[in-house]
mmCIF file of all heavy atoms, coordinates in Angstrom:
data_MODEL
# 
_entry.id   MODEL 
# 
loop_
_atom_site.group_PDB 
_atom_site.id 
_atom_site.type_symbol 
_atom_site.label_atom_id 
_atom_site.label_alt_id 
_atom_site.label_comp_id 
_atom_site.label_asym_id 
_atom_site.label_entity_id 
_atom_site.label_seq_id 
_atom_site.pdbx_PDB_ins_code 
_atom_site.Cartn_x 
_atom_site.Cartn_y 
_atom_site.Cartn_z 
_atom_site.occupancy 
_atom_site.B_iso_or_equiv 
_atom_site.pdbx_formal_charge 
_atom_site.auth_seq_id 
_atom_site.auth_comp_id 
_atom_site.auth_asym_id 
_atom_site.auth_atom_id 
_atom_site.pdbx_PDB_model_num 
ATOM 1   N N   . ALA A 1 1  ? 2.635   4.439  11.165  1.00 0.00 ? 1  ALA A N   1 
ATOM 2   C CA  . ALA A 1 1  ? 1.782   4.140  12.329  1.00 0.00 ? 1  ALA A CA  1 
ATOM 3   C C   . ALA A 1 1  ? 1.194   5.359  12.968  1.00 0.00 ? 1  ALA A C   1 
ATOM 4   O O   . ALA A 1 1  ? 0.164   5.265  13.646  1.00 0.00 ? 1  ALA A O   1 
ATOM 5   C CB  . ALA A 1 1  ? 2.578   3.301  13.352  1.00 0.00 ? 1  ALA A CB  1 
ATOM 6   N N   . GLY A 1 2  ? 1.837   6.518  12.783  1.00 0.00 ? 2  GLY A N   1 
ATOM 7   C CA  . GLY A 1 2  ? 1.317   7.738  13.395  1.00 0.00 ? 2  GLY A CA  1 
ATOM 8   C C   . GLY A 1 2  ? 0.338   8.470  12.545  1.00 0.00 ? 2  GLY A C   1 
ATOM 9   O O   . GLY A 1 2  ? -0.167  9.563  12.943  1.00 0.00 ? 2  GLY A O   1 
ATOM 10  N N   . ILE A 1 3  ? -0.002  7.937  11.353  1.00 0.00 ? 3  ILE A N   1 
ATOM 11  C CA  . ILE A 1 3  ? -0.954  8.638  10.465  1.00 0.00 ? 3  ILE A CA  1 
ATOM 12  C C   . ILE A 1 3  ? -2.357  8.067  10.785  1.00 0.00 ? 3  ILE A C   1 
ATOM 13  O O   . ILE A 1 3  ? -2.670  6.939  10.451  1.00 0.00 ? 3  ILE A O   1 
ATOM 14  C CB  . ILE A 1 3  ? -0.618  8.402  8.994   1.00 0.00 ? 3  ILE A CB  1 
ATOM 15  C CG1 . ILE A 1 3  ? 0.756   9.025  8.677   1.00 0.00 ? 3  ILE A CG1 1 
ATOM 16  C CG2 . ILE A 1 3  ? -1.680  8.960  8.072   1.00 0.00 ? 3  ILE A CG2 1 
ATOM 17  C CD1 . ILE A 1 3  ? 1.255   8.786  7.250   1.00 0.00 ? 3  ILE A CD1 1 
ATOM 18  N N   . GLY A 1 4  ? -3.198  8.891  11.409  1.00 0.00 ? 4  GLY A N   1 
ATOM 19  C CA  . GLY A 1 4  ? -4.467  8.421  11.860  1.00 0.00 ? 4  GLY A CA  1 
ATOM 20  C C   . GLY A 1 4  ? -5.621  8.657  10.940  1.00 0.00 ? 4  GLY A C   1 
ATOM 21  O O   . GLY A 1 4  ? -6.735  8.112  11.150  1.00 0.00 ? 4  GLY A O   1 
ATOM 22  N N   . VAL A 1 5  ? -5.431  9.423  9.860   1.00 0.00 ? 5  VAL A N   1 
ATOM 23  C CA  . VAL A 1 5  ? -6.557  9.707  8.946   1.00 0.00 ? 5  VAL A CA  1 
ATOM 24  C C   . VAL A 1 5  ? -6.880  8.456  8.146   1.00 0.00 ? 5  VAL A C   1 
ATOM 25  O O   . VAL A 1 5  ? -5.999  7.620  7.877   1.00 0.00 ? 5  VAL A O   1 
ATOM 26  C CB  . VAL A 1 5  ? -6.227  10.879 8.032   1.00 0.00 ? 5  VAL A CB  1 
ATOM 27  C CG1 . VAL A 1 5  ? -5.967  12.137 8.839   1.00 0.00 ? 5  VAL A CG1 1 
ATOM 28  C CG2 . VAL A 1 5  ? -5.036  10.588 7.113   1.00 0.00 ? 5  VAL A CG2 1 
ATOM 29  N N   . PRO A 1 6  ? -8.156  8.315  7.702   1.00 0.00 ? 6  PRO A N   1 
ATOM 30  C CA  . PRO A 1 6  ? -8.497  7.160  6.870   1.00 0.00 ? 6  PRO A CA  1 
ATOM 31  C C   . PRO A 1 6  ? -7.661  7.156  5.562   1.00 0.00 ? 6  PRO A C   1 
ATOM 32  O O   . PRO A 1 6  ? -7.353  8.215  4.980   1.00 0.00 ? 6  PRO A O   1 
ATOM 33  C CB  . PRO A 1 6  ? -9.965  7.403  6.553   1.00 0.00 ? 6  PRO A CB  1 
ATOM 34  C CG  . PRO A 1 6  ? -10.476 8.233  7.682   1.00 0.00 ? 6  PRO A CG  1 
ATOM 35  C CD  . PRO A 1 6  ? -9.297  9.130  8.044   1.00 0.00 ? 6  PRO A CD  1 
ATOM 36  N N   . ALA A 1 7  ? -7.344  5.966  5.137   1.00 0.00 ? 7  ALA A N   1 
ATOM 37  C CA  . ALA A 1 7  ? -6.516  5.832  3.921   1.00 0.00 ? 7  ALA A CA  1 
ATOM 38  C C   . ALA A 1 7  ? -7.094  4.780  2.999   1.00 0.00 ? 7  ALA A C   1 
ATOM 39  O O   . ALA A 1 7  ? -7.597  3.753  3.439   1.00 0.00 ? 7  ALA A O   1 
ATOM 40  C CB  . ALA A 1 7  ? -5.081  5.482  4.304   1.00 0.00 ? 7  ALA A CB  1 
ATOM 41  N N   . LEU A 1 8  ? -6.945  5.017  1.726   1.00 0.00 ? 8  LEU A N   1 
ATOM 42  C CA  . LEU A 1 8  ? -7.268  4.045  0.691   1.00 0.00 ? 8  LEU A CA  1 
ATOM 43  C C   . LEU A 1 8  ? -6.018  3.745  -0.083  1.00 0.00 ? 8  LEU A C   1 
ATOM 44  O O   . LEU A 1 8  ? -5.359  4.679  -0.591  1.00 0.00 ? 8  LEU A O   1 
ATOM 45  C CB  . LEU A 1 8  ? -8.352  4.584  -0.230  1.00 0.00 ? 8  LEU A CB  1 
ATOM 46  C CG  . LEU A 1 8  ? -8.650  3.756  -1.514  1.00 0.00 ? 8  LEU A CG  1 
ATOM 47  C CD1 . LEU A 1 8  ? -9.236  2.364  -1.130  1.00 0.00 ? 8  LEU A CD1 1 
ATOM 48  C CD2 . LEU A 1 8  ? -9.571  4.455  -2.461  1.00 0.00 ? 8  LEU A CD2 1 
ATOM 49  N N   . VAL A 1 9  ? -5.638  2.475  -0.159  1.00 0.00 ? 9  VAL A N   1 
ATOM 50  C CA  . VAL A 1 9  ? -4.456  2.007  -0.936  1.00 0.00 ? 9  VAL A CA  1 
ATOM 51  C C   . VAL A 1 9  ? -4.941  1.297  -2.174  1.00 0.00 ? 9  VAL A C   1 
ATOM 52  O O   . VAL A 1 9  ? -5.586  0.201  -2.039  1.00 0.00 ? 9  VAL A O   1 
ATOM 53  C CB  . VAL A 1 9  ? -3.515  1.169  -0.088  1.00 0.00 ? 9  VAL A CB  1 
ATOM 54  C CG1 . VAL A 1 9  ? -2.349  0.699  -0.921  1.00 0.00 ? 9  VAL A CG1 1 
ATOM 55  C CG2 . VAL A 1 9  ? -3.056  1.892  1.171   1.00 0.00 ? 9  VAL A CG2 1 
ATOM 56  N N   . VAL A 1 10 ? -4.699  1.858  -3.314  1.00 0.00 ? 10 VAL A N   1 
ATOM 57  C CA  . VAL A 1 10 ? -5.149  1.259  -4.594  1.00 0.00 ? 10 VAL A CA  1 
ATOM 58  C C   . VAL A 1 10 ? -3.929  0.689  -5.315  1.00 0.00 ? 10 VAL A C   1 
ATOM 59  O O   . VAL A 1 10 ? -2.935  1.337  -5.490  1.00 0.00 ? 10 VAL A O   1 
ATOM 60  C CB  . VAL A 1 10 ? -5.846  2.330  -5.472  1.00 0.00 ? 10 VAL A CB  1 
ATOM 61  C CG1 . VAL A 1 10 ? -6.353  1.728  -6.738  1.00 0.00 ? 10 VAL A CG1 1 
ATOM 62  C CG2 . VAL A 1 10 ? -6.991  3.052  -4.681  1.00 0.00 ? 10 VAL A CG2 1 
ATOM 63  N N   . LYS A 1 11 ? -4.075  -0.563 -5.780  1.00 0.00 ? 11 LYS A N   1 
ATOM 64  C CA  . LYS A 1 11 ? -2.905  -1.229 -6.294  1.00 0.00 ? 11 LYS A CA  1 
ATOM 65  C C   . LYS A 1 11 ? -3.219  -1.982 -7.555  1.00 0.00 ? 11 LYS A C   1 
ATOM 66  O O   . LYS A 1 11 ? -4.217  -2.687 -7.706  1.00 0.00 ? 11 LYS A O   1 
ATOM 67  C CB  . LYS A 1 11 ? -2.359  -2.253 -5.235  1.00 0.00 ? 11 LYS A CB  1 
ATOM 68  C CG  . LYS A 1 11 ? -1.057  -2.894 -5.657  1.00 0.00 ? 11 LYS A CG  1 
ATOM 69  C CD  . LYS A 1 11 ? 0.022   -1.865 -5.856  1.00 0.00 ? 11 LYS A CD  1 
ATOM 70  C CE  . LYS A 1 11 ? 1.259   -2.383 -6.515  1.00 0.00 ? 11 LYS A CE  1 
ATOM 71  N NZ  . LYS A 1 11 ? 2.205   -1.308 -6.883  1.00 0.00 ? 11 LYS A NZ  1 
ATOM 72  N N   . GLY A 1 12 ? -2.292  -1.873 -8.558  1.00 0.00 ? 12 GLY A N   1 
ATOM 73  C CA  . GLY A 1 12 ? -2.284  -2.681 -9.730  1.00 0.00 ? 12 GLY A CA  1 
ATOM 74  C C   . GLY A 1 12 ? -1.544  -3.974 -9.490  1.00 0.00 ? 12 GLY A C   1 
ATOM 75  O O   . GLY A 1 12 ? -0.317  -3.935 -9.287  1.00 0.00 ? 12 GLY A O   1 
ATOM 76  N N   . PRO A 1 13 ? -2.188  -5.131 -9.483  1.00 0.00 ? 13 PRO A N   1 
ATOM 77  C CA  . PRO A 1 13 ? -1.506  -6.409 -9.180  1.00 0.00 ? 13 PRO A CA  1 
ATOM 78  C C   . PRO A 1 13 ? -0.407  -6.758 -10.092 1.00 0.00 ? 13 PRO A C   1 
ATOM 79  O O   . PRO A 1 13 ? 0.472   -7.569 -9.773  1.00 0.00 ? 13 PRO A O   1 
ATOM 80  C CB  . PRO A 1 13 ? -2.659  -7.445 -9.251  1.00 0.00 ? 13 PRO A CB  1 
ATOM 81  C CG  . PRO A 1 13 ? -3.913  -6.665 -9.099  1.00 0.00 ? 13 PRO A CG  1 
ATOM 82  C CD  . PRO A 1 13 ? -3.632  -5.318 -9.688  1.00 0.00 ? 13 PRO A CD  1 
ATOM 83  N N   . ARG A 1 14 ? -0.376  -6.199 -11.364 1.00 0.00 ? 14 ARG A N   1 
ATOM 84  C CA  . ARG A 1 14 ? 0.673   -6.515 -12.286 1.00 0.00 ? 14 ARG A CA  1 
ATOM 85  C C   . ARG A 1 14 ? 1.857   -5.562 -12.219 1.00 0.00 ? 14 ARG A C   1 
ATOM 86  O O   . ARG A 1 14 ? 2.800   -5.638 -13.038 1.00 0.00 ? 14 ARG A O   1 
ATOM 87  C CB  . ARG A 1 14 ? 0.082   -6.441 -13.740 1.00 0.00 ? 14 ARG A CB  1 
ATOM 88  C CG  . ARG A 1 14 ? -0.942  -7.487 -14.035 1.00 0.00 ? 14 ARG A CG  1 
ATOM 89  C CD  . ARG A 1 14 ? -1.324  -7.462 -15.508 1.00 0.00 ? 14 ARG A CD  1 
ATOM 90  N NE  . ARG A 1 14 ? -2.307  -8.487 -15.831 1.00 0.00 ? 14 ARG A NE  1 
ATOM 91  C CZ  . ARG A 1 14 ? -2.769  -8.658 -17.059 1.00 0.00 ? 14 ARG A CZ  1 
ATOM 92  N NH1 . ARG A 1 14 ? -2.377  -7.896 -18.047 1.00 0.00 ? 14 ARG A NH1 1 
ATOM 93  N NH2 . ARG A 1 14 ? -3.676  -9.595 -17.309 1.00 0.00 ? 14 ARG A NH2 1 
ATOM 94  N N   . ASP A 1 15 ? 1.835   -4.693 -11.268 1.00 0.00 ? 15 ASP A N   1 
ATOM 95  C CA  . ASP A 1 15 ? 2.905   -3.718 -11.140 1.00 0.00 ? 15 ASP A CA  1 
ATOM 96  C C   . ASP A 1 15 ? 4.159   -4.373 -10.528 1.00 0.00 ? 15 ASP A C   1 
ATOM 97  O O   . ASP A 1 15 ? 4.155   -4.759 -9.349  1.00 0.00 ? 15 ASP A O   1 
ATOM 98  C CB  . ASP A 1 15 ? 2.428   -2.546 -10.220 1.00 0.00 ? 15 ASP A CB  1 
ATOM 99  C CG  . ASP A 1 15 ? 3.476   -1.415 -10.102 1.00 0.00 ? 15 ASP A CG  1 
ATOM 100 O OD1 . ASP A 1 15 ? 4.467   -1.449 -10.793 1.00 0.00 ? 15 ASP A OD1 1 
ATOM 101 O OD2 . ASP A 1 15 ? 3.215   -0.535 -9.270  1.00 0.00 ? 15 ASP A OD2 1 
ATOM 102 N N   . GLU A 1 16 ? 5.199   -4.471 -11.325 1.00 0.00 ? 16 GLU A N   1 
ATOM 103 C CA  . GLU A 1 16 ? 6.506   -4.987 -10.826 1.00 0.00 ? 16 GLU A CA  1 
ATOM 104 C C   . GLU A 1 16 ? 7.486   -3.851 -10.596 1.00 0.00 ? 16 GLU A C   1 
ATOM 105 O O   . GLU A 1 16 ? 8.566   -4.087 -10.088 1.00 0.00 ? 16 GLU A O   1 
ATOM 106 C CB  . GLU A 1 16 ? 7.039   -6.016 -11.819 1.00 0.00 ? 16 GLU A CB  1 
ATOM 107 C CG  . GLU A 1 16 ? 6.154   -7.241 -11.974 1.00 0.00 ? 16 GLU A CG  1 
ATOM 108 C CD  . GLU A 1 16 ? 6.851   -8.361 -12.749 1.00 0.00 ? 16 GLU A CD  1 
ATOM 109 O OE1 . GLU A 1 16 ? 8.079   -8.458 -12.733 1.00 0.00 ? 16 GLU A OE1 1 
ATOM 110 O OE2 . GLU A 1 16 ? 6.121   -9.132 -13.409 1.00 0.00 ? 16 GLU A OE2 1 
ATOM 111 N N   . TYR A 1 17 ? 7.121   -2.627 -10.981 1.00 0.00 ? 17 TYR A N   1 
ATOM 112 C CA  . TYR A 1 17 ? 7.984   -1.484 -10.781 1.00 0.00 ? 17 TYR A CA  1 
ATOM 113 C C   . TYR A 1 17 ? 7.985   -1.069 -9.294  1.00 0.00 ? 17 TYR A C   1 
ATOM 114 O O   . TYR A 1 17 ? 9.026   -0.894 -8.679  1.00 0.00 ? 17 TYR A O   1 
ATOM 115 C CB  . TYR A 1 17 ? 7.500   -0.343 -11.643 1.00 0.00 ? 17 TYR A CB  1 
ATOM 116 C CG  . TYR A 1 17 ? 8.481   0.761  -11.877 1.00 0.00 ? 17 TYR A CG  1 
ATOM 117 C CD1 . TYR A 1 17 ? 9.779   0.523  -12.247 1.00 0.00 ? 17 TYR A CD1 1 
ATOM 118 C CD2 . TYR A 1 17 ? 8.119   2.113  -11.733 1.00 0.00 ? 17 TYR A CD2 1 
ATOM 119 C CE1 . TYR A 1 17 ? 10.686  1.548  -12.474 1.00 0.00 ? 17 TYR A CE1 1 
ATOM 120 C CE2 . TYR A 1 17 ? 8.987   3.122  -11.930 1.00 0.00 ? 17 TYR A CE2 1 
ATOM 121 C CZ  . TYR A 1 17 ? 10.262  2.835  -12.329 1.00 0.00 ? 17 TYR A CZ  1 
ATOM 122 O OH  . TYR A 1 17 ? 11.142  3.864  -12.511 1.00 0.00 ? 17 TYR A OH  1 
ATOM 123 N N   . CYS A 1 18 ? 6.767   -0.965 -8.734  1.00 0.00 ? 18 CYS A N   1 
ATOM 124 C CA  . CYS A 1 18 ? 6.547   -0.836 -7.269  1.00 0.00 ? 18 CYS A CA  1 
ATOM 125 C C   . CYS A 1 18 ? 5.722   -2.011 -6.863  1.00 0.00 ? 18 CYS A C   1 
ATOM 126 O O   . CYS A 1 18 ? 4.485   -2.022 -7.032  1.00 0.00 ? 18 CYS A O   1 
ATOM 127 C CB  . CYS A 1 18 ? 5.841   0.477  -6.955  1.00 0.00 ? 18 CYS A CB  1 
ATOM 128 S SG  . CYS A 1 18 ? 6.786   1.986  -7.283  1.00 0.00 ? 18 CYS A SG  1 
ATOM 129 N N   . PRO A 1 19 ? 6.330   -3.061 -6.345  1.00 0.00 ? 19 PRO A N   1 
ATOM 130 C CA  . PRO A 1 19 ? 5.629   -4.352 -6.212  1.00 0.00 ? 19 PRO A CA  1 
ATOM 131 C C   . PRO A 1 19 ? 4.479   -4.320 -5.241  1.00 0.00 ? 19 PRO A C   1 
ATOM 132 O O   . PRO A 1 19 ? 4.350   -3.424 -4.357  1.00 0.00 ? 19 PRO A O   1 
ATOM 133 C CB  . PRO A 1 19 ? 6.736   -5.264 -5.665  1.00 0.00 ? 19 PRO A CB  1 
ATOM 134 C CG  . PRO A 1 19 ? 7.813   -4.380 -5.117  1.00 0.00 ? 19 PRO A CG  1 
ATOM 135 C CD  . PRO A 1 19 ? 7.730   -3.106 -5.905  1.00 0.00 ? 19 PRO A CD  1 
ATOM 136 N N   . VAL A 1 20 ? 3.643   -5.318 -5.362  1.00 0.00 ? 20 VAL A N   1 
ATOM 137 C CA  . VAL A 1 20 ? 2.406   -5.449 -4.526  1.00 0.00 ? 20 VAL A CA  1 
ATOM 138 C C   . VAL A 1 20 ? 2.776   -5.484 -3.053  1.00 0.00 ? 20 VAL A C   1 
ATOM 139 O O   . VAL A 1 20 ? 2.071   -4.898 -2.211  1.00 0.00 ? 20 VAL A O   1 
ATOM 140 C CB  . VAL A 1 20 ? 1.602   -6.696 -4.973  1.00 0.00 ? 20 VAL A CB  1 
ATOM 141 C CG1 . VAL A 1 20 ? 0.519   -7.003 -3.953  1.00 0.00 ? 20 VAL A CG1 1 
ATOM 142 C CG2 . VAL A 1 20 ? 1.062   -6.518 -6.368  1.00 0.00 ? 20 VAL A CG2 1 
ATOM 143 N N   . ASP A 1 21 ? 3.900   -6.120 -2.697  1.00 0.00 ? 21 ASP A N   1 
ATOM 144 C CA  . ASP A 1 21 ? 4.280   -6.249 -1.320  1.00 0.00 ? 21 ASP A CA  1 
ATOM 145 C C   . ASP A 1 21 ? 4.470   -4.869 -0.678  1.00 0.00 ? 21 ASP A C   1 
ATOM 146 O O   . ASP A 1 21 ? 4.176   -4.731 0.534   1.00 0.00 ? 21 ASP A O   1 
ATOM 147 C CB  . ASP A 1 21 ? 5.568   -7.070 -1.171  1.00 0.00 ? 21 ASP A CB  1 
ATOM 148 C CG  . ASP A 1 21 ? 5.354   -8.556 -1.483  1.00 0.00 ? 21 ASP A CG  1 
ATOM 149 O OD1 . ASP A 1 21 ? 4.189   -8.951 -1.545  1.00 0.00 ? 21 ASP A OD1 1 
ATOM 150 O OD2 . ASP A 1 21 ? 6.339   -9.257 -1.656  1.00 0.00 ? 21 ASP A OD2 1 
ATOM 151 N N   . TRP A 1 22 ? 4.960   -3.943 -1.434  1.00 0.00 ? 22 TRP A N   1 
ATOM 152 C CA  . TRP A 1 22 ? 5.120   -2.545 -0.898  1.00 0.00 ? 22 TRP A CA  1 
ATOM 153 C C   . TRP A 1 22 ? 3.791   -1.982 -0.488  1.00 0.00 ? 22 TRP A C   1 
ATOM 154 O O   . TRP A 1 22 ? 3.631   -1.418 0.632   1.00 0.00 ? 22 TRP A O   1 
ATOM 155 C CB  . TRP A 1 22 ? 5.793   -1.652 -1.912  1.00 0.00 ? 22 TRP A CB  1 
ATOM 156 C CG  . TRP A 1 22 ? 7.215   -1.928 -2.152  1.00 0.00 ? 22 TRP A CG  1 
ATOM 157 C CD1 . TRP A 1 22 ? 7.973   -2.976 -1.689  1.00 0.00 ? 22 TRP A CD1 1 
ATOM 158 C CD2 . TRP A 1 22 ? 8.112   -1.143 -2.981  1.00 0.00 ? 22 TRP A CD2 1 
ATOM 159 N NE1 . TRP A 1 22 ? 9.248   -2.898 -2.139  1.00 0.00 ? 22 TRP A NE1 1 
ATOM 160 C CE2 . TRP A 1 22 ? 9.364   -1.793 -2.944  1.00 0.00 ? 22 TRP A CE2 1 
ATOM 161 C CE3 . TRP A 1 22 ? 7.928   0.005  -3.725  1.00 0.00 ? 22 TRP A CE3 1 
ATOM 162 C CZ2 . TRP A 1 22 ? 10.481  -1.265 -3.613  1.00 0.00 ? 22 TRP A CZ2 1 
ATOM 163 C CZ3 . TRP A 1 22 ? 9.067   0.513  -4.408  1.00 0.00 ? 22 TRP A CZ3 1 
ATOM 164 C CH2 . TRP A 1 22 ? 10.304  -0.090 -4.385  1.00 0.00 ? 22 TRP A CH2 1 
ATOM 165 N N   . ALA A 1 23 ? 2.798   -2.108 -1.360  1.00 0.00 ? 23 ALA A N   1 
ATOM 166 C CA  . ALA A 1 23 ? 1.495   -1.505 -1.095  1.00 0.00 ? 23 ALA A CA  1 
ATOM 167 C C   . ALA A 1 23 ? 0.795   -2.214 0.091   1.00 0.00 ? 23 ALA A C   1 
ATOM 168 O O   . ALA A 1 23 ? 0.188   -1.584 0.949   1.00 0.00 ? 23 ALA A O   1 
ATOM 169 C CB  . ALA A 1 23 ? 0.612   -1.612 -2.351  1.00 0.00 ? 23 ALA A CB  1 
ATOM 170 N N   . ARG A 1 24 ? 0.920   -3.534 0.137   1.00 0.00 ? 24 ARG A N   1 
ATOM 171 C CA  . ARG A 1 24 ? 0.315   -4.292 1.234   1.00 0.00 ? 24 ARG A CA  1 
ATOM 172 C C   . ARG A 1 24 ? 0.977   -3.889 2.554   1.00 0.00 ? 24 ARG A C   1 
ATOM 173 O O   . ARG A 1 24 ? 0.285   -3.767 3.604   1.00 0.00 ? 24 ARG A O   1 
ATOM 174 C CB  . ARG A 1 24 ? 0.453   -5.791 0.990   1.00 0.00 ? 24 ARG A CB  1 
ATOM 175 C CG  . ARG A 1 24 ? -0.466  -6.283 -0.140  1.00 0.00 ? 24 ARG A CG  1 
ATOM 176 C CD  . ARG A 1 24 ? -0.555  -7.801 -0.089  1.00 0.00 ? 24 ARG A CD  1 
ATOM 177 N NE  . ARG A 1 24 ? -1.452  -8.312 -1.096  1.00 0.00 ? 24 ARG A NE  1 
ATOM 178 C CZ  . ARG A 1 24 ? -2.816  -8.397 -0.980  1.00 0.00 ? 24 ARG A CZ  1 
ATOM 179 N NH1 . ARG A 1 24 ? -3.354  -7.960 0.166   1.00 0.00 ? 24 ARG A NH1 1 
ATOM 180 N NH2 . ARG A 1 24 ? -3.526  -8.896 -1.945  1.00 0.00 ? 24 ARG A NH2 1 
ATOM 181 N N   . GLU A 1 25 ? 2.262   -3.738 2.558   1.00 0.00 ? 25 GLU A N   1 
ATOM 182 C CA  . GLU A 1 25 ? 2.952   -3.332 3.779   1.00 0.00 ? 25 GLU A CA  1 
ATOM 183 C C   . GLU A 1 25 ? 2.525   -1.980 4.253   1.00 0.00 ? 25 GLU A C   1 
ATOM 184 O O   . GLU A 1 25 ? 2.267   -1.757 5.444   1.00 0.00 ? 25 GLU A O   1 
ATOM 185 C CB  . GLU A 1 25 ? 4.505   -3.369 3.571   1.00 0.00 ? 25 GLU A CB  1 
ATOM 186 C CG  . GLU A 1 25 ? 5.279   -2.992 4.798   1.00 0.00 ? 25 GLU A CG  1 
ATOM 187 C CD  . GLU A 1 25 ? 6.773   -2.863 4.585   1.00 0.00 ? 25 GLU A CD  1 
ATOM 188 O OE1 . GLU A 1 25 ? 7.162   -2.585 3.429   1.00 0.00 ? 25 GLU A OE1 1 
ATOM 189 O OE2 . GLU A 1 25 ? 7.531   -3.122 5.525   1.00 0.00 ? 25 GLU A OE2 1 
ATOM 190 N N   . ILE A 1 26 ? 2.364   -1.029 3.320   1.00 0.00 ? 26 ILE A N   1 
ATOM 191 C CA  . ILE A 1 26 ? 1.919   0.327  3.628   1.00 0.00 ? 26 ILE A CA  1 
ATOM 192 C C   . ILE A 1 26 ? 0.504   0.241  4.252   1.00 0.00 ? 26 ILE A C   1 
ATOM 193 O O   . ILE A 1 26 ? 0.217   0.893  5.271   1.00 0.00 ? 26 ILE A O   1 
ATOM 194 C CB  . ILE A 1 26 ? 1.929   1.206  2.384   1.00 0.00 ? 26 ILE A CB  1 
ATOM 195 C CG1 . ILE A 1 26 ? 3.407   1.539  2.009   1.00 0.00 ? 26 ILE A CG1 1 
ATOM 196 C CG2 . ILE A 1 26 ? 1.170   2.511  2.618   1.00 0.00 ? 26 ILE A CG2 1 
ATOM 197 C CD1 . ILE A 1 26 ? 3.583   2.206  0.682   1.00 0.00 ? 26 ILE A CD1 1 
ATOM 198 N N   . ALA A 1 27 ? -0.349  -0.530 3.639   1.00 0.00 ? 27 ALA A N   1 
ATOM 199 C CA  . ALA A 1 27 ? -1.730  -0.676 4.147   1.00 0.00 ? 27 ALA A CA  1 
ATOM 200 C C   . ALA A 1 27 ? -1.763  -1.260 5.522   1.00 0.00 ? 27 ALA A C   1 
ATOM 201 O O   . ALA A 1 27 ? -2.598  -0.899 6.366   1.00 0.00 ? 27 ALA A O   1 
ATOM 202 C CB  . ALA A 1 27 ? -2.553  -1.506 3.171   1.00 0.00 ? 27 ALA A CB  1 
ATOM 203 N N   . GLU A 1 28 ? -0.896  -2.210 5.789   1.00 0.00 ? 28 GLU A N   1 
ATOM 204 C CA  . GLU A 1 28 ? -0.834  -2.847 7.085   1.00 0.00 ? 28 GLU A CA  1 
ATOM 205 C C   . GLU A 1 28 ? -0.259  -1.920 8.154   1.00 0.00 ? 28 GLU A C   1 
ATOM 206 O O   . GLU A 1 28 ? -0.690  -1.938 9.318   1.00 0.00 ? 28 GLU A O   1 
ATOM 207 C CB  . GLU A 1 28 ? 0.006   -4.121 7.018   1.00 0.00 ? 28 GLU A CB  1 
ATOM 208 C CG  . GLU A 1 28 ? -0.675  -5.231 6.228   1.00 0.00 ? 28 GLU A CG  1 
ATOM 209 C CD  . GLU A 1 28 ? 0.265   -6.433 5.971   1.00 0.00 ? 28 GLU A CD  1 
ATOM 210 O OE1 . GLU A 1 28 ? 1.454   -6.334 6.399   1.00 0.00 ? 28 GLU A OE1 1 
ATOM 211 O OE2 . GLU A 1 28 ? -0.164  -7.387 5.311   1.00 0.00 ? 28 GLU A OE2 1 
ATOM 212 N N   . LEU A 1 29 ? 0.697   -1.061 7.792   1.00 0.00 ? 29 LEU A N   1 
ATOM 213 C CA  . LEU A 1 29 ? 1.291   -0.168 8.740   1.00 0.00 ? 29 LEU A CA  1 
ATOM 214 C C   . LEU A 1 29 ? 0.389   1.026  9.098   1.00 0.00 ? 29 LEU A C   1 
ATOM 215 O O   . LEU A 1 29 ? 0.484   1.580  10.212  1.00 0.00 ? 29 LEU A O   1 
ATOM 216 C CB  . LEU A 1 29 ? 2.638   0.360  8.214   1.00 0.00 ? 29 LEU A CB  1 
ATOM 217 C CG  . LEU A 1 29 ? 3.761   -0.696 8.141   1.00 0.00 ? 29 LEU A CG  1 
ATOM 218 C CD1 . LEU A 1 29 ? 4.989   -0.121 7.432   1.00 0.00 ? 29 LEU A CD1 1 
ATOM 219 C CD2 . LEU A 1 29 ? 4.155   -1.153 9.573   1.00 0.00 ? 29 LEU A CD2 1 
# 
């Protein structure tokens, strides 16, 4: 929440090693 710089989160939907939910949570935070 303290990172103010613009961010792009790129995600492979088939990734089960680091699941999609992790990436979505990071993008939301």
